Amino acid sequence: MKNSIIIILYKLLEAEIFLEDFYGKFAHSDFVKNIYALKNTAIILTDVENKHAQVFKRLIEETESKKTVILDENIMAEVDYILVNLKQSMNSYGITTAGQLIAKAVDNENKHIFLMSHIIKLLKKETSVSYIKELFVFLLEEEQRHLANLRPFLSDRKLPPVR
């Protein structure tokens, strides 16, 4: 089961929990305790990531009941590489306003969208199991919705349209 869809889902769940933890720790740090807009934004982002994690847990449960799909180890290596880069890019250095934190969240969502798109592209070559492709398309759409929800808070910045 080392290279299965379930393992990818667990790794993606871990990334959501990592983001939830990042925002949660930031919300409760001494730096933001008296900057209420920043603290409240971090708390909201913590909650959103928690909801994403719950979606992943539900999908893992549903997927575990289906036939195991084993993947090429190159796919796992690429997913691992992107997830490591995502985690390494997570720091709160220089974030002093709610807008900057939202910009960081937008960046994180864009990285997740890239990851989901990349997984879908890799899976097209790897498997013909339709529920797997549908699963990752659903996850991609979830990330795109989250990004779309964040965008209005950055209305003073020029951002490219959501694809």
C-alpha atoms as a PDB file:
ATOM      1  CA  MET A   1       0.000   0.000   0.000  1.00  0.00           C
ATOM      2  CA  LYS A   2       3.120   2.180  -0.097  1.00  0.00           C
ATOM      3  CA  ASN A   3       2.158   3.791  -3.416  1.00  0.00           C
ATOM      4  CA  SER A   4      -1.615   3.877  -3.251  1.00  0.00           C
ATOM      5  CA  ILE A   5      -4.215   6.576  -3.701  1.00  0.00           C
ATOM      6  CA  ILE A   6      -4.967   6.260   0.018  1.00  0.00           C
ATOM      7  CA  ILE A   7      -1.380   7.234   0.840  1.00  0.00           C
ATOM      8  CA  ILE A   8      -1.661  10.332  -1.372  1.00  0.00           C
ATOM      9  CA  LEU A   9      -4.891  11.272   0.394  1.00  0.00           C
ATOM     10  CA  TYR A  10      -3.245  10.840   3.797  1.00  0.00           C
ATOM     11  CA  LYS A  11      -0.352  13.043   2.662  1.00  0.00           C
ATOM     12  CA  LEU A  12      -2.790  15.697   1.454  1.00  0.00           C
ATOM     13  CA  LEU A  13      -4.666  15.439   4.754  1.00  0.00           C
ATOM     14  CA  GLU A  14      -1.360  15.963   6.542  1.00  0.00           C
ATOM     15  CA  ALA A  15      -0.801  19.131   4.475  1.00  0.00           C
ATOM     16  CA  GLU A  16      -4.232  20.471   5.477  1.00  0.00           C
ATOM     17  CA  ILE A  17      -3.510  19.732   9.132  1.00  0.00           C
ATOM     18  CA  PHE A  18      -0.127  21.425   8.735  1.00  0.00           C
ATOM     19  CA  LEU A  19      -1.828  24.589   7.407  1.00  0.00           C
ATOM     20  CA  GLU A  20      -4.459  24.439  10.139  1.00  0.00           C
ATOM     21  CA  ASP A  21      -1.686  24.206  12.717  1.00  0.00           C
ATOM     22  CA  PHE A  22       0.261  27.049  11.084  1.00  0.00           C
ATOM     23  CA  TYR A  23      -2.722  29.420  11.162  1.00  0.00           C
ATOM     24  CA  GLY A  24      -3.714  28.261  14.655  1.00  0.00           C
ATOM     25  CA  LYS A  25      -0.275  28.864  16.114  1.00  0.00           C
ATOM     26  CA  PHE A  26      -0.098  32.215  14.379  1.00  0.00           C
ATOM     27  CA  ALA A  27      -3.521  33.198  15.788  1.00  0.00           C
ATOM     28  CA  HIS A  28      -2.341  32.430  19.308  1.00  0.00           C
ATOM     29  CA  SER A  29       1.134  33.888  19.056  1.00  0.00           C
ATOM     30  CA  ASP A  30       2.150  36.805  21.259  1.00  0.00           C
ATOM     31  CA  PHE A  31       2.761  38.901  18.147  1.00  0.00           C
ATOM     32  CA  VAL A  32      -0.908  38.960  17.093  1.00  0.00           C
ATOM     33  CA  LYS A  33      -2.639  38.928  20.471  1.00  0.00           C
ATOM     34  CA  ASN A  34      -3.506  42.650  20.244  1.00  0.00           C
ATOM     35  CA  ILE A  35      -3.852  42.886  16.451  1.00  0.00           C
ATOM     36  CA  TYR A  36      -7.455  41.778  16.311  1.00  0.00           C
ATOM     37  CA  ALA A  37      -7.983  41.828  12.537  1.00  0.00           C
ATOM     38  CA  LEU A  38      -4.894  39.669  12.050  1.00  0.00           C
ATOM     39  CA  LYS A  39      -5.795  37.336  14.903  1.00  0.00           C
ATOM     40  CA  ASN A  40      -9.399  36.925  13.706  1.00  0.00           C
ATOM     41  CA  THR A  41      -8.231  36.288  10.132  1.00  0.00           C
ATOM     42  CA  ALA A  42      -5.869  33.578  11.367  1.00  0.00           C
ATOM     43  CA  ILE A  43      -8.663  32.004  13.422  1.00  0.00           C
ATOM     44  CA  ILE A  44     -10.977  31.959  10.380  1.00  0.00           C
ATOM     45  CA  LEU A  45      -8.239  30.418   8.204  1.00  0.00           C
ATOM     46  CA  THR A  46      -7.631  27.804  10.922  1.00  0.00           C
ATOM     47  CA  ASP A  47     -11.319  26.895  10.814  1.00  0.00           C
ATOM     48  CA  VAL A  48     -11.345  26.700   7.000  1.00  0.00           C
ATOM     49  CA  GLU A  49      -8.328  24.372   6.983  1.00  0.00           C
ATOM     50  CA  ASN A  50      -9.994  22.250   9.651  1.00  0.00           C
ATOM     51  CA  LYS A  51     -13.029  21.911   7.377  1.00  0.00           C
ATOM     52  CA  HIS A  52     -10.726  20.912   4.504  1.00  0.00           C
ATOM     53  CA  ALA A  53      -9.157  18.282   6.757  1.00  0.00           C
ATOM     54  CA  GLN A  54     -12.618  16.906   7.564  1.00  0.00           C
ATOM     55  CA  VAL A  55     -13.344  16.603   3.829  1.00  0.00           C
ATOM     56  CA  PHE A  56     -10.107  14.641   3.370  1.00  0.00           C
ATOM     57  CA  LYS A  57     -10.940  12.350   6.303  1.00  0.00           C
ATOM     58  CA  ARG A  58     -14.348  11.601   4.796  1.00  0.00           C
ATOM     59  CA  LEU A  59     -12.846  10.948   1.360  1.00  0.00           C
ATOM     60  CA  ILE A  60     -10.204   8.668   2.852  1.00  0.00           C
ATOM     61  CA  GLU A  61     -12.917   6.678   4.597  1.00  0.00           C
ATOM     62  CA  GLU A  62     -14.920   6.368   1.383  1.00  0.00           C
ATOM     63  CA  THR A  63     -11.872   5.484  -0.705  1.00  0.00           C
ATOM     64  CA  GLU A  64     -10.624   2.852   1.746  1.00  0.00           C
ATOM     65  CA  SER A  65     -13.778   0.861   1.097  1.00  0.00           C
ATOM     66  CA  LYS A  66     -12.984   0.673  -2.626  1.00  0.00           C
ATOM     67  CA  LYS A  67     -10.448  -1.337  -4.561  1.00  0.00           C
ATOM     68  CA  THR A  68      -6.881  -0.244  -3.803  1.00  0.00           C
ATOM     69  CA  VAL A  69      -5.204   1.504  -6.697  1.00  0.00           C
ATOM     70  CA  ILE A  70      -1.418   1.211  -6.695  1.00  0.00           C
ATOM     71  CA  LEU A  71       0.533   3.990  -8.383  1.00  0.00           C
ATOM     72  CA  ASP A  72       3.927   4.330  -9.929  1.00  0.00           C
ATOM     73  CA  GLU A  73       6.464   5.429  -7.329  1.00  0.00           C
ATOM     74  CA  ASN A  74       7.413   8.405  -9.512  1.00  0.00           C
ATOM     75  CA  ILE A  75       3.977   9.895  -8.840  1.00  0.00           C
ATOM     76  CA  MET A  76       4.522   9.507  -5.111  1.00  0.00           C
ATOM     77  CA  ALA A  77       7.941  11.126  -5.394  1.00  0.00           C
ATOM     78  CA  GLU A  78       6.518  14.122  -7.262  1.00  0.00           C
ATOM     79  CA  VAL A  79       3.696  14.539  -4.741  1.00  0.00           C
ATOM     80  CA  ASP A  80       6.190  14.302  -1.874  1.00  0.00           C
ATOM     81  CA  TYR A  81       8.444  16.894  -3.503  1.00  0.00           C
ATOM     82  CA  ILE A  82       5.628  19.405  -3.963  1.00  0.00           C
ATOM     83  CA  LEU A  83       4.354  18.851  -0.406  1.00  0.00           C
ATOM     84  CA  VAL A  84       7.829  19.360   1.060  1.00  0.00           C
ATOM     85  CA  ASN A  85       8.167  22.621  -0.875  1.00  0.00           C
ATOM     86  CA  LEU A  86       4.765  23.738   0.393  1.00  0.00           C
ATOM     87  CA  LYS A  87       5.712  23.067   4.004  1.00  0.00           C
ATOM     88  CA  GLN A  88       9.097  24.731   3.635  1.00  0.00           C
ATOM     89  CA  SER A  89       7.453  27.887   2.293  1.00  0.00           C
ATOM     90  CA  MET A  90       5.291  28.220   5.390  1.00  0.00           C
ATOM     91  CA  ASN A  91       6.502  30.917   7.708  1.00  0.00           C
ATOM     92  CA  SER A  92       4.908  33.979   9.180  1.00  0.00           C
ATOM     93  CA  TYR A  93       7.938  36.209   8.785  1.00  0.00           C
ATOM     94  CA  GLY A  94       6.867  39.646   7.647  1.00  0.00           C
ATOM     95  CA  ILE A  95       3.124  39.068   8.066  1.00  0.00           C
ATOM     96  CA  THR A  96       1.863  42.081  10.004  1.00  0.00           C
ATOM     97  CA  THR A  97      -1.597  42.678   8.523  1.00  0.00           C
ATOM     98  CA  ALA A  98      -4.685  40.622   7.796  1.00  0.00           C
ATOM     99  CA  GLY A  99      -4.212  41.384   4.088  1.00  0.00           C
ATOM    100  CA  GLN A 100      -0.725  39.898   4.137  1.00  0.00           C
ATOM    101  CA  LEU A 101      -2.032  36.780   5.872  1.00  0.00           C
ATOM    102  CA  ILE A 102      -4.800  36.437   3.289  1.00  0.00           C
ATOM    103  CA  ALA A 103      -2.204  36.891   0.524  1.00  0.00           C
ATOM    104  CA  LYS A 104      -0.248  34.020   2.138  1.00  0.00           C
ATOM    105  CA  ALA A 105      -3.435  31.930   2.214  1.00  0.00           C
ATOM    106  CA  VAL A 106      -4.036  32.721  -1.475  1.00  0.00           C
ATOM    107  CA  ASP A 107      -0.489  31.603  -2.231  1.00  0.00           C
ATOM    108  CA  ASN A 108      -1.080  28.371  -0.304  1.00  0.00           C
ATOM    109  CA  GLU A 109      -4.317  27.703  -2.162  1.00  0.00           C
ATOM    110  CA  ASN A 110      -2.586  28.308  -5.483  1.00  0.00           C
ATOM    111  CA  LYS A 111       0.055  25.757  -4.494  1.00  0.00           C
ATOM    112  CA  HIS A 112      -2.654  23.244  -3.597  1.00  0.00           C
ATOM    113  CA  ILE A 113      -4.410  23.923  -6.901  1.00  0.00           C
ATOM    114  CA  PHE A 114      -1.140  23.324  -8.732  1.00  0.00           C
ATOM    115  CA  LEU A 115      -0.646  20.092  -6.777  1.00  0.00           C
ATOM    116  CA  MET A 116      -4.167  18.803  -7.497  1.00  0.00           C
ATOM    117  CA  SER A 117      -3.852  19.728 -11.185  1.00  0.00           C
ATOM    118  CA  HIS A 118      -0.504  17.964 -11.347  1.00  0.00           C
ATOM    119  CA  ILE A 119      -1.883  14.839  -9.662  1.00  0.00           C
ATOM    120  CA  ILE A 120      -4.783  14.771 -12.129  1.00  0.00           C
ATOM    121  CA  LYS A 121      -2.347  15.080 -15.040  1.00  0.00           C
ATOM    122  CA  LEU A 122      -0.171  12.259 -13.664  1.00  0.00           C
ATOM    123  CA  LEU A 123      -3.178  10.045 -12.996  1.00  0.00           C
ATOM    124  CA  LYS A 124      -4.437  10.409 -16.560  1.00  0.00           C
ATOM    125  CA  LYS A 125      -1.353   8.490 -17.650  1.00  0.00           C
ATOM    126  CA  GLU A 126      -1.402   6.072 -14.741  1.00  0.00           C
ATOM    127  CA  THR A 127      -4.925   4.803 -14.149  1.00  0.00           C
ATOM    128  CA  SER A 128      -8.226   4.443 -15.877  1.00  0.00           C
ATOM    129  CA  VAL A 129     -10.163   4.052 -12.632  1.00  0.00           C
ATOM    130  CA  SER A 130     -12.806   6.770 -12.976  1.00  0.00           C
ATOM    131  CA  TYR A 131     -13.563   7.308  -9.282  1.00  0.00           C
ATOM    132  CA  ILE A 132      -9.898   8.263  -8.698  1.00  0.00           C
ATOM    133  CA  LYS A 133      -9.974  10.989 -11.324  1.00  0.00           C
ATOM    134  CA  GLU A 134     -13.357  12.205 -10.046  1.00  0.00           C
ATOM    135  CA  LEU A 135     -11.969  12.330  -6.525  1.00  0.00           C
ATOM    136  CA  PHE A 136      -9.075  14.598  -7.468  1.00  0.00           C
ATOM    137  CA  VAL A 137     -11.242  16.782  -9.698  1.00  0.00           C
ATOM    138  CA  PHE A 138     -13.522  17.247  -6.677  1.00  0.00           C
ATOM    139  CA  LEU A 139     -10.520  18.176  -4.512  1.00  0.00           C
ATOM    140  CA  LEU A 140      -9.283  20.602  -7.158  1.00  0.00           C
ATOM    141  CA  GLU A 141     -12.701  22.258  -7.257  1.00  0.00           C
ATOM    142  CA  GLU A 142     -12.693  22.498  -3.438  1.00  0.00           C
ATOM    143  CA  GLU A 143      -9.374  24.341  -3.506  1.00  0.00           C
ATOM    144  CA  GLN A 144     -10.618  26.622  -6.295  1.00  0.00           C
ATOM    145  CA  ARG A 145     -13.716  27.484  -4.230  1.00  0.00           C
ATOM    146  CA  HIS A 146     -11.555  28.297  -1.231  1.00  0.00           C
ATOM    147  CA  LEU A 147      -9.365  30.524  -3.394  1.00  0.00           C
ATOM    148  CA  ALA A 148     -12.444  32.246  -4.838  1.00  0.00           C
ATOM    149  CA  ASN A 149     -13.687  32.907  -1.284  1.00  0.00           C
ATOM    150  CA  LEU A 150     -10.371  34.553  -0.360  1.00  0.00           C
ATOM    151  CA  ARG A 151     -10.064  36.745  -3.440  1.00  0.00           C
ATOM    152  CA  PRO A 152     -12.606  39.444  -2.464  1.00  0.00           C
ATOM    153  CA  PHE A 153     -10.517  40.254   0.600  1.00  0.00           C
ATOM    154  CA  LEU A 154      -7.665  41.217  -1.701  1.00  0.00           C
ATOM    155  CA  SER A 155      -9.800  43.391  -3.959  1.00  0.00           C
ATOM    156  CA  ASP A 156      -7.275  46.229  -3.878  1.00  0.00           C
ATOM    157  CA  ARG A 157      -4.671  43.979  -5.508  1.00  0.00           C
ATOM    158  CA  LYS A 158      -4.542  42.890  -9.110  1.00  0.00           C
ATOM    159  CA  LEU A 159      -4.902  39.123  -9.220  1.00  0.00           C
ATOM    160  CA  PRO A 160      -5.304  36.897 -12.261  1.00  0.00           C
ATOM    161  CA  PRO A 161      -8.759  35.345 -12.736  1.00  0.00           C
ATOM    162  CA  VAL A 162      -9.452  31.959 -11.148  1.00  0.00           C
ATOM    163  CA  ARG A 163      -9.226  29.160 -13.732  1.00  0.00           C
END
